């Protein structure tokens, strides 16, 4: 798995080529879609993009971890994490 990283600019360029919007409109569209996905995730909603992936926020309970250098037990606080399937 190596190779090129797909950026927002790359997505906007692809929209420009395939849809025919101007470069500015394409960039604005990509930003609007990504912003909406981010806002939905922050609200705790599941975002499902059919035939691609699902973004979901889940809660993790407090647990005991270990400092890898010292071996000392350290509490890991409860938190919310995003999953991508």
PDB file of N, CA and C in Angstrom:
ATOM      1  N   UNK A   1       0.819  -1.180   0.000  1.00  0.00           N
ATOM      2  CA  UNK A   1       0.000   0.000   0.000  1.00  0.00           C
ATOM      3  C   UNK A   1       0.862   1.242   0.000  1.00  0.00           C
ATOM      4  N   UNK A   2       1.360   1.715  -0.935  1.00  0.00           N
ATOM      5  CA  UNK A   2       2.080   2.969  -0.932  1.00  0.00           C
ATOM      6  C   UNK A   2       1.465   3.843  -1.979  1.00  0.00           C
ATOM      7  N   UNK A   3       2.180   4.846  -2.308  1.00  0.00           N
ATOM      8  CA  UNK A   3       1.727   5.639  -3.427  1.00  0.00           C
ATOM      9  C   UNK A   3       1.236   6.999  -3.031  1.00  0.00           C
ATOM     10  N   UNK A   4       0.464   7.561  -3.910  1.00  0.00           N
ATOM     11  CA  UNK A   4       0.011   8.941  -3.803  1.00  0.00           C
ATOM     12  C   UNK A   4      -1.091   9.092  -2.765  1.00  0.00           C
ATOM     13  N   UNK A   5      -1.116  10.229  -2.140  1.00  0.00           N
ATOM     14  CA  UNK A   5      -2.178  10.597  -1.212  1.00  0.00           C
ATOM     15  C   UNK A   5      -3.194  11.453  -1.955  1.00  0.00           C
ATOM     16  N   UNK A   6      -4.461  11.107  -1.811  1.00  0.00           N
ATOM     17  CA  UNK A   6      -5.534  11.876  -2.437  1.00  0.00           C
ATOM     18  C   UNK A   6      -5.882  13.050  -1.531  1.00  0.00           C
ATOM     19  N   UNK A   7      -5.807  14.253  -2.049  1.00  0.00           N
ATOM     20  CA  UNK A   7      -6.064  15.456  -1.257  1.00  0.00           C
ATOM     21  C   UNK A   7      -7.407  16.081  -1.629  1.00  0.00           C
ATOM     22  N   UNK A   8      -7.799  17.085  -0.868  1.00  0.00           N
ATOM     23  CA  UNK A   8      -9.021  17.837  -1.189  1.00  0.00           C
ATOM     24  C   UNK A   8      -8.913  18.456  -2.574  1.00  0.00           C
ATOM     25  N   UNK A   9      -7.724  18.963  -2.882  1.00  0.00           N
ATOM     26  CA  UNK A   9      -7.510  19.569  -4.205  1.00  0.00           C
ATOM     27  C   UNK A   9      -7.684  18.527  -5.305  1.00  0.00           C
ATOM     28  N   UNK A  10      -7.214  17.298  -5.063  1.00  0.00           N
ATOM     29  CA  UNK A  10      -7.388  16.223  -6.043  1.00  0.00           C
ATOM     30  C   UNK A  10      -8.869  15.904  -6.237  1.00  0.00           C
ATOM     31  N   UNK A  11      -9.617  15.857  -5.137  1.00  0.00           N
ATOM     32  CA  UNK A  11     -11.056  15.603  -5.235  1.00  0.00           C
ATOM     33  C   UNK A  11     -11.752  16.716  -6.010  1.00  0.00           C
ATOM     34  N   UNK A  12     -11.385  17.955  -5.716  1.00  0.00           N
ATOM     35  CA  UNK A  12     -11.989  19.091  -6.425  1.00  0.00           C
ATOM     36  C   UNK A  12     -11.659  19.034  -7.911  1.00  0.00           C
ATOM     37  N   UNK A  13     -10.439  18.659  -8.240  1.00  0.00           N
ATOM     38  CA  UNK A  13     -10.037  18.542  -9.650  1.00  0.00           C
ATOM     39  C   UNK A  13     -10.839  17.442 -10.348  1.00  0.00           C
ATOM     40  N   UNK A  14     -11.065  16.326  -9.654  1.00  0.00           N
ATOM     41  CA  UNK A  14     -11.855  15.232 -10.231  1.00  0.00           C
ATOM     42  C   UNK A  14     -13.295  15.675 -10.476  1.00  0.00           C
ATOM     43  N   UNK A  15     -13.869  16.419  -9.535  1.00  0.00           N
ATOM     44  CA  UNK A  15     -15.229  16.943  -9.723  1.00  0.00           C
ATOM     45  C   UNK A  15     -15.248  17.892 -10.914  1.00  0.00           C
ATOM     46  N   UNK A  16     -14.246  18.736 -11.012  1.00  0.00           N
ATOM     47  CA  UNK A  16     -14.140  19.678 -12.134  1.00  0.00           C
ATOM     48  C   UNK A  16     -14.135  18.933 -13.468  1.00  0.00           C
ATOM     49  N   UNK A  17     -13.325  17.887 -13.563  1.00  0.00           N
ATOM     50  CA  UNK A  17     -13.207  17.141 -14.822  1.00  0.00           C
ATOM     51  C   UNK A  17     -14.457  16.327 -15.145  1.00  0.00           C
ATOM     52  N   UNK A  18     -15.039  15.682 -14.137  1.00  0.00           N
ATOM     53  CA  UNK A  18     -16.130  14.737 -14.393  1.00  0.00           C
ATOM     54  C   UNK A  18     -17.512  15.370 -14.400  1.00  0.00           C
ATOM     55  N   UNK A  19     -17.713  16.413 -13.606  1.00  0.00           N
ATOM     56  CA  UNK A  19     -19.047  17.004 -13.478  1.00  0.00           C
ATOM     57  C   UNK A  19     -19.195  18.249 -14.342  1.00  0.00           C
ATOM     58  N   UNK A  20     -18.104  18.958 -14.514  1.00  0.00           N
ATOM     59  CA  UNK A  20     -18.169  20.134 -15.359  1.00  0.00           C
ATOM     60  C   UNK A  20     -18.402  21.437 -14.623  1.00  0.00           C
ATOM     61  N   UNK A  21     -18.362  21.403 -13.304  1.00  0.00           N
ATOM     62  CA  UNK A  21     -18.437  22.652 -12.549  1.00  0.00           C
ATOM     63  C   UNK A  21     -17.123  23.405 -12.727  1.00  0.00           C
ATOM     64  N   UNK A  22     -17.121  24.678 -12.394  1.00  0.00           N
ATOM     65  CA  UNK A  22     -15.864  25.428 -12.440  1.00  0.00           C
ATOM     66  C   UNK A  22     -14.947  24.899 -11.337  1.00  0.00           C
ATOM     67  N   UNK A  23     -13.675  25.251 -11.414  1.00  0.00           N
ATOM     68  CA  UNK A  23     -12.737  24.802 -10.377  1.00  0.00           C
ATOM     69  C   UNK A  23     -13.143  25.342  -9.003  1.00  0.00           C
ATOM     70  N   UNK A  24     -13.580  26.584  -8.965  1.00  0.00           N
ATOM     71  CA  UNK A  24     -14.013  27.193  -7.701  1.00  0.00           C
ATOM     72  C   UNK A  24     -15.240  26.480  -7.148  1.00  0.00           C
ATOM     73  N   UNK A  25     -16.227  26.250  -8.005  1.00  0.00           N
ATOM     74  CA  UNK A  25     -17.439  25.549  -7.570  1.00  0.00           C
ATOM     75  C   UNK A  25     -17.119  24.130  -7.129  1.00  0.00           C
ATOM     76  N   UNK A  26     -16.213  23.474  -7.823  1.00  0.00           N
ATOM     77  CA  UNK A  26     -15.820  22.110  -7.463  1.00  0.00           C
ATOM     78  C   UNK A  26     -15.179  22.078  -6.085  1.00  0.00           C
ATOM     79  N   UNK A  27     -14.278  23.026  -5.821  1.00  0.00           N
ATOM     80  CA  UNK A  27     -13.625  23.099  -4.511  1.00  0.00           C
ATOM     81  C   UNK A  27     -14.647  23.391  -3.415  1.00  0.00           C
ATOM     82  N   UNK A  28     -15.589  24.291  -3.691  1.00  0.00           N
ATOM     83  CA  UNK A  28     -16.632  24.616  -2.716  1.00  0.00           C
ATOM     84  C   UNK A  28     -17.524  23.410  -2.440  1.00  0.00           C
ATOM     85  N   UNK A  29     -17.843  22.640  -3.470  1.00  0.00           N
ATOM     86  CA  UNK A  29     -18.664  21.450  -3.300  1.00  0.00           C
ATOM     87  C   UNK A  29     -17.955  20.422  -2.424  1.00  0.00           C
ATOM     88  N   UNK A  30     -16.686  20.165  -2.706  1.00  0.00           N
ATOM     89  CA  UNK A  30     -15.914  19.205  -1.904  1.00  0.00           C
ATOM     90  C   UNK A  30     -15.873  19.667  -0.447  1.00  0.00           C
ATOM     91  N   UNK A  31     -15.595  20.944  -0.214  1.00  0.00           N
ATOM     92  CA  UNK A  31     -15.550  21.482   1.151  1.00  0.00           C
ATOM     93  C   UNK A  31     -16.897  21.337   1.844  1.00  0.00           C
ATOM     94  N   UNK A  32     -17.981  21.617   1.133  1.00  0.00           N
ATOM     95  CA  UNK A  32     -19.320  21.520   1.724  1.00  0.00           C
ATOM     96  C   UNK A  32     -19.637  20.084   2.132  1.00  0.00           C
ATOM     97  N   UNK A  33     -19.293  19.130   1.286  1.00  0.00           N
ATOM     98  CA  UNK A  33     -19.554  17.718   1.598  1.00  0.00           C
ATOM     99  C   UNK A  33     -18.729  17.284   2.806  1.00  0.00           C
ATOM    100  N   UNK A  34     -17.440  17.613   2.810  1.00  0.00           N
ATOM    101  CA  UNK A  34     -16.584  17.226   3.931  1.00  0.00           C
ATOM    102  C   UNK A  34     -17.018  17.907   5.226  1.00  0.00           C
ATOM    103  N   UNK A  35     -17.414  19.171   5.148  1.00  0.00           N
ATOM    104  CA  UNK A  35     -17.904  19.882   6.336  1.00  0.00           C
ATOM    105  C   UNK A  35     -19.157  19.218   6.893  1.00  0.00           C
ATOM    106  N   UNK A  36     -20.067  18.830   6.021  1.00  0.00           N
ATOM    107  CA  UNK A  36     -21.310  18.190   6.472  1.00  0.00           C
ATOM    108  C   UNK A  36     -21.017  16.850   7.139  1.00  0.00           C
ATOM    109  N   UNK A  37     -20.089  16.081   6.578  1.00  0.00           N
ATOM    110  CA  UNK A  37     -19.696  14.808   7.192  1.00  0.00           C
ATOM    111  C   UNK A  37     -19.123  15.062   8.582  1.00  0.00           C
ATOM    112  N   UNK A  38     -18.219  16.028   8.699  1.00  0.00           N
ATOM    113  CA  UNK A  38     -17.601  16.347   9.996  1.00  0.00           C
ATOM    114  C   UNK A  38     -18.639  16.793  11.017  1.00  0.00           C
ATOM    115  N   UNK A  39     -19.547  17.657  10.611  1.00  0.00           N
ATOM    116  CA  UNK A  39     -20.573  18.156  11.529  1.00  0.00           C
ATOM    117  C   UNK A  39     -21.485  17.029  12.007  1.00  0.00           C
ATOM    118  N   UNK A  40     -21.839  16.117  11.129  1.00  0.00           N
ATOM    119  CA  UNK A  40     -22.690  14.990  11.514  1.00  0.00           C
ATOM    120  C   UNK A  40     -21.970  14.097  12.520  1.00  0.00           C
ATOM    121  N   UNK A  41     -20.681  13.861  12.297  1.00  0.00           N
ATOM    122  CA  UNK A  41     -19.906  13.026  13.221  1.00  0.00           C
ATOM    123  C   UNK A  41     -19.815  13.702  14.586  1.00  0.00           C
ATOM    124  N   UNK A  42     -19.583  15.011  14.611  1.00  0.00           N
ATOM    125  CA  UNK A  42     -19.511  15.751  15.876  1.00  0.00           C
ATOM    126  C   UNK A  42     -20.837  15.647  16.628  1.00  0.00           C
ATOM    127  N   UNK A  43     -21.951  15.647  15.909  1.00  0.00           N
ATOM    128  CA  UNK A  43     -23.275  15.511  16.540  1.00  0.00           C
ATOM    129  C   UNK A  43     -23.536  14.084  17.011  1.00  0.00           C
ATOM    130  N   UNK A  44     -22.626  13.163  16.712  1.00  0.00           N
ATOM    131  CA  UNK A  44     -22.791  11.776  17.134  1.00  0.00           C
ATOM    132  C   UNK A  44     -23.594  10.939  16.164  1.00  0.00           C
ATOM    133  N   UNK A  45     -23.835  11.447  14.977  1.00  0.00           N
ATOM    134  CA  UNK A  45     -24.598  10.711  13.975  1.00  0.00           C
ATOM    135  C   UNK A  45     -23.692   9.745  13.214  1.00  0.00           C
ATOM    136  N   UNK A  46     -24.287   8.696  12.676  1.00  0.00           N
ATOM    137  CA  UNK A  46     -23.577   7.783  11.793  1.00  0.00           C
ATOM    138  C   UNK A  46     -23.676   8.329  10.377  1.00  0.00           C
ATOM    139  N   UNK A  47     -22.569   8.304   9.660  1.00  0.00           N
ATOM    140  CA  UNK A  47     -22.541   8.755   8.267  1.00  0.00           C
ATOM    141  C   UNK A  47     -22.269   7.537   7.402  1.00  0.00           C
ATOM    142  N   UNK A  48     -23.230   7.189   6.555  1.00  0.00           N
ATOM    143  CA  UNK A  48     -23.083   6.022   5.686  1.00  0.00           C
ATOM    144  C   UNK A  48     -23.017   6.486   4.242  1.00  0.00           C
ATOM    145  N   UNK A  49     -21.917   6.162   3.592  1.00  0.00           N
ATOM    146  CA  UNK A  49     -21.749   6.446   2.169  1.00  0.00           C
ATOM    147  C   UNK A  49     -21.841   5.098   1.460  1.00  0.00           C
ATOM    148  N   UNK A  50     -22.990   4.816   0.870  1.00  0.00           N
ATOM    149  CA  UNK A  50     -23.246   3.510   0.264  1.00  0.00           C
ATOM    150  C   UNK A  50     -22.135   3.110  -0.690  1.00  0.00           C
ATOM    151  N   UNK A  51     -21.786   1.851  -0.652  1.00  0.00           N
ATOM    152  CA  UNK A  51     -20.740   1.259  -1.492  1.00  0.00           C
ATOM    153  C   UNK A  51     -19.357   1.833  -1.202  1.00  0.00           C
ATOM    154  N   UNK A  52     -19.204   2.532  -0.078  1.00  0.00           N
ATOM    155  CA  UNK A  52     -17.886   3.053   0.268  1.00  0.00           C
ATOM    156  C   UNK A  52     -17.541   2.760   1.715  1.00  0.00           C
ATOM    157  N   UNK A  53     -18.201   3.440   2.648  1.00  0.00           N
ATOM    158  CA  UNK A  53     -17.825   3.288   4.051  1.00  0.00           C
ATOM    159  C   UNK A  53     -18.900   3.850   4.964  1.00  0.00           C
ATOM    160  N   UNK A  54     -18.745   3.534   6.254  1.00  0.00           N
ATOM    161  CA  UNK A  54     -19.593   4.095   7.291  1.00  0.00           C
ATOM    162  C   UNK A  54     -18.701   4.700   8.365  1.00  0.00           C
ATOM    163  N   UNK A  55     -18.975   5.948   8.738  1.00  0.00           N
ATOM    164  CA  UNK A  55     -18.291   6.613   9.841  1.00  0.00           C
ATOM    165  C   UNK A  55     -19.243   6.563  11.030  1.00  0.00           C
ATOM    166  N   UNK A  56     -18.731   6.154  12.181  1.00  0.00           N
ATOM    167  CA  UNK A  56     -19.576   6.013  13.360  1.00  0.00           C
ATOM    168  C   UNK A  56     -18.773   6.431  14.584  1.00  0.00           C
ATOM    169  N   UNK A  57     -19.416   7.130  15.520  1.00  0.00           N
ATOM    170  CA  UNK A  57     -18.773   7.503  16.774  1.00  0.00           C
ATOM    171  C   UNK A  57     -19.252   6.542  17.847  1.00  0.00           C
ATOM    172  N   UNK A  58     -18.303   6.007  18.608  1.00  0.00           N
ATOM    173  CA  UNK A  58     -18.690   5.131  19.707  1.00  0.00           C
ATOM    174  C   UNK A  58     -17.942   5.536  20.965  1.00  0.00           C
ATOM    175  N   UNK A  59     -18.511   5.184  22.103  1.00  0.00           N
ATOM    176  CA  UNK A  59     -17.906   5.516  23.389  1.00  0.00           C
ATOM    177  C   UNK A  59     -17.063   4.353  23.876  1.00  0.00           C
ATOM    178  N   UNK A  60     -15.918   4.687  24.442  1.00  0.00           N
ATOM    179  CA  UNK A  60     -15.059   3.672  25.047  1.00  0.00           C
ATOM    180  C   UNK A  60     -15.018   3.937  26.543  1.00  0.00           C
ATOM    181  N   UNK A  61     -15.117   2.886  27.324  1.00  0.00           N
ATOM    182  CA  UNK A  61     -15.109   3.004  28.775  1.00  0.00           C
ATOM    183  C   UNK A  61     -13.701   3.256  29.300  1.00  0.00           C
ATOM    184  N   UNK A  62     -13.645   3.689  30.553  1.00  0.00           N
ATOM    185  CA  UNK A  62     -12.354   3.844  31.212  1.00  0.00           C
ATOM    186  C   UNK A  62     -11.712   2.466  31.354  1.00  0.00           C
ATOM    187  N   UNK A  63     -10.397   2.433  31.235  1.00  0.00           N
ATOM    188  CA  UNK A  63      -9.679   1.172  31.403  1.00  0.00           C
ATOM    189  C   UNK A  63      -8.278   1.468  31.913  1.00  0.00           C
ATOM    190  N   UNK A  64      -7.595   0.419  32.294  1.00  0.00           N
ATOM    191  CA  UNK A  64      -6.224   0.549  32.773  1.00  0.00           C
ATOM    192  C   UNK A  64      -5.280   0.223  31.624  1.00  0.00           C
ATOM    193  N   UNK A  65      -4.373   1.147  31.351  1.00  0.00           N
ATOM    194  CA  UNK A  65      -3.334   0.926  30.350  1.00  0.00           C
ATOM    195  C   UNK A  65      -2.003   0.766  31.052  1.00  0.00           C
ATOM    196  N   UNK A  66      -0.956   0.680  30.276  1.00  0.00           N
ATOM    197  CA  UNK A  66       0.369   0.499  30.848  1.00  0.00           C
ATOM    198  C   UNK A  66       1.364   1.396  30.126  1.00  0.00           C
ATOM    199  N   UNK A  67       2.191   2.098  30.891  1.00  0.00           N
ATOM    200  CA  UNK A  67       3.261   2.899  30.320  1.00  0.00           C
ATOM    201  C   UNK A  67       4.302   1.935  29.754  1.00  0.00           C
ATOM    202  N   UNK A  68       4.569   1.974  28.443  1.00  0.00           N
ATOM    203  CA  UNK A  68       5.483   0.994  27.852  1.00  0.00           C
ATOM    204  C   UNK A  68       6.927   1.120  28.348  1.00  0.00           C
ATOM    205  N   UNK A  69       7.331   2.315  28.796  1.00  0.00           N
ATOM    206  CA  UNK A  69       8.707   2.485  29.288  1.00  0.00           C
ATOM    207  C   UNK A  69       8.888   1.936  30.697  1.00  0.00           C
ATOM    208  N   UNK A  70       7.929   2.270  31.569  1.00  0.00           N
ATOM    209  CA  UNK A  70       8.098   1.925  32.981  1.00  0.00           C
ATOM    210  C   UNK A  70       7.292   0.702  33.401  1.00  0.00           C
ATOM    211  N   UNK A  71       6.294   0.334  32.624  1.00  0.00           N
ATOM    212  CA  UNK A  71       5.425  -0.773  33.003  1.00  0.00           C
ATOM    213  C   UNK A  71       4.365  -0.362  34.017  1.00  0.00           C
ATOM    214  N   UNK A  72       4.376   0.904  34.413  1.00  0.00           N
ATOM    215  CA  UNK A  72       3.430   1.404  35.403  1.00  0.00           C
ATOM    216  C   UNK A  72       2.012   1.431  34.829  1.00  0.00           C
ATOM    217  N   UNK A  73       1.038   1.043  35.658  1.00  0.00           N
ATOM    218  CA  UNK A  73      -0.363   1.096  35.235  1.00  0.00           C
ATOM    219  C   UNK A  73      -0.834   2.546  35.210  1.00  0.00           C
ATOM    220  N   UNK A  74      -1.582   2.893  34.176  1.00  0.00           N
ATOM    221  CA  UNK A  74      -2.065   4.258  33.990  1.00  0.00           C
ATOM    222  C   UNK A  74      -3.541   4.189  33.595  1.00  0.00           C
ATOM    223  N   UNK A  75      -4.411   4.971  34.264  1.00  0.00           N
ATOM    224  CA  UNK A  75      -5.825   4.956  33.856  1.00  0.00           C
ATOM    225  C   UNK A  75      -6.007   5.678  32.516  1.00  0.00           C
ATOM    226  N   UNK A  76      -6.792   5.081  31.647  1.00  0.00           N
ATOM    227  CA  UNK A  76      -7.160   5.706  30.374  1.00  0.00           C
ATOM    228  C   UNK A  76      -8.615   6.129  30.522  1.00  0.00           C
ATOM    229  N   UNK A  77      -8.857   7.410  30.401  1.00  0.00           N
ATOM    230  CA  UNK A  77     -10.182   7.973  30.658  1.00  0.00           C
ATOM    231  C   UNK A  77     -11.187   7.568  29.580  1.00  0.00           C
ATOM    232  N   UNK A  78     -12.485   7.603  29.923  1.00  0.00           N
ATOM    233  CA  UNK A  78     -13.510   7.324  28.905  1.00  0.00           C
ATOM    234  C   UNK A  78     -13.426   8.365  27.796  1.00  0.00           C
ATOM    235  N   UNK A  79     -13.730   7.938  26.589  1.00  0.00           N
ATOM    236  CA  UNK A  79     -13.644   8.870  25.462  1.00  0.00           C
ATOM    237  C   UNK A  79     -14.525   8.389  24.323  1.00  0.00           C
ATOM    238  N   UNK A  80     -14.716   9.273  23.357  1.00  0.00           N
ATOM    239  CA  UNK A  80     -15.456   8.921  22.141  1.00  0.00           C
ATOM    240  C   UNK A  80     -14.454   8.778  21.012  1.00  0.00           C
ATOM    241  N   UNK A  81     -14.625   7.746  20.202  1.00  0.00           N
ATOM    242  CA  UNK A  81     -13.727   7.512  19.073  1.00  0.00           C
ATOM    243  C   UNK A  81     -14.546   7.325  17.802  1.00  0.00           C
ATOM    244  N   UNK A  82     -13.960   7.718  16.691  1.00  0.00           N
ATOM    245  CA  UNK A  82     -14.622   7.534  15.407  1.00  0.00           C
ATOM    246  C   UNK A  82     -14.133   6.232  14.794  1.00  0.00           C
ATOM    247  N   UNK A  83     -15.060   5.454  14.257  1.00  0.00           N
ATOM    248  CA  UNK A  83     -14.694   4.240  13.538  1.00  0.00           C
ATOM    249  C   UNK A  83     -15.032   4.431  12.065  1.00  0.00           C
ATOM    250  N   UNK A  84     -14.296   3.749  11.245  1.00  0.00           N
ATOM    251  CA  UNK A  84     -14.451   3.833   9.787  1.00  0.00           C
ATOM    252  C   UNK A  84     -14.457   2.411   9.269  1.00  0.00           C
ATOM    253  N   UNK A  85     -15.576   2.000   8.700  1.00  0.00           N
ATOM    254  CA  UNK A  85     -15.677   0.636   8.160  1.00  0.00           C
ATOM    255  C   UNK A  85     -15.989   0.706   6.697  1.00  0.00           C
TER     256      UNK A  85
END
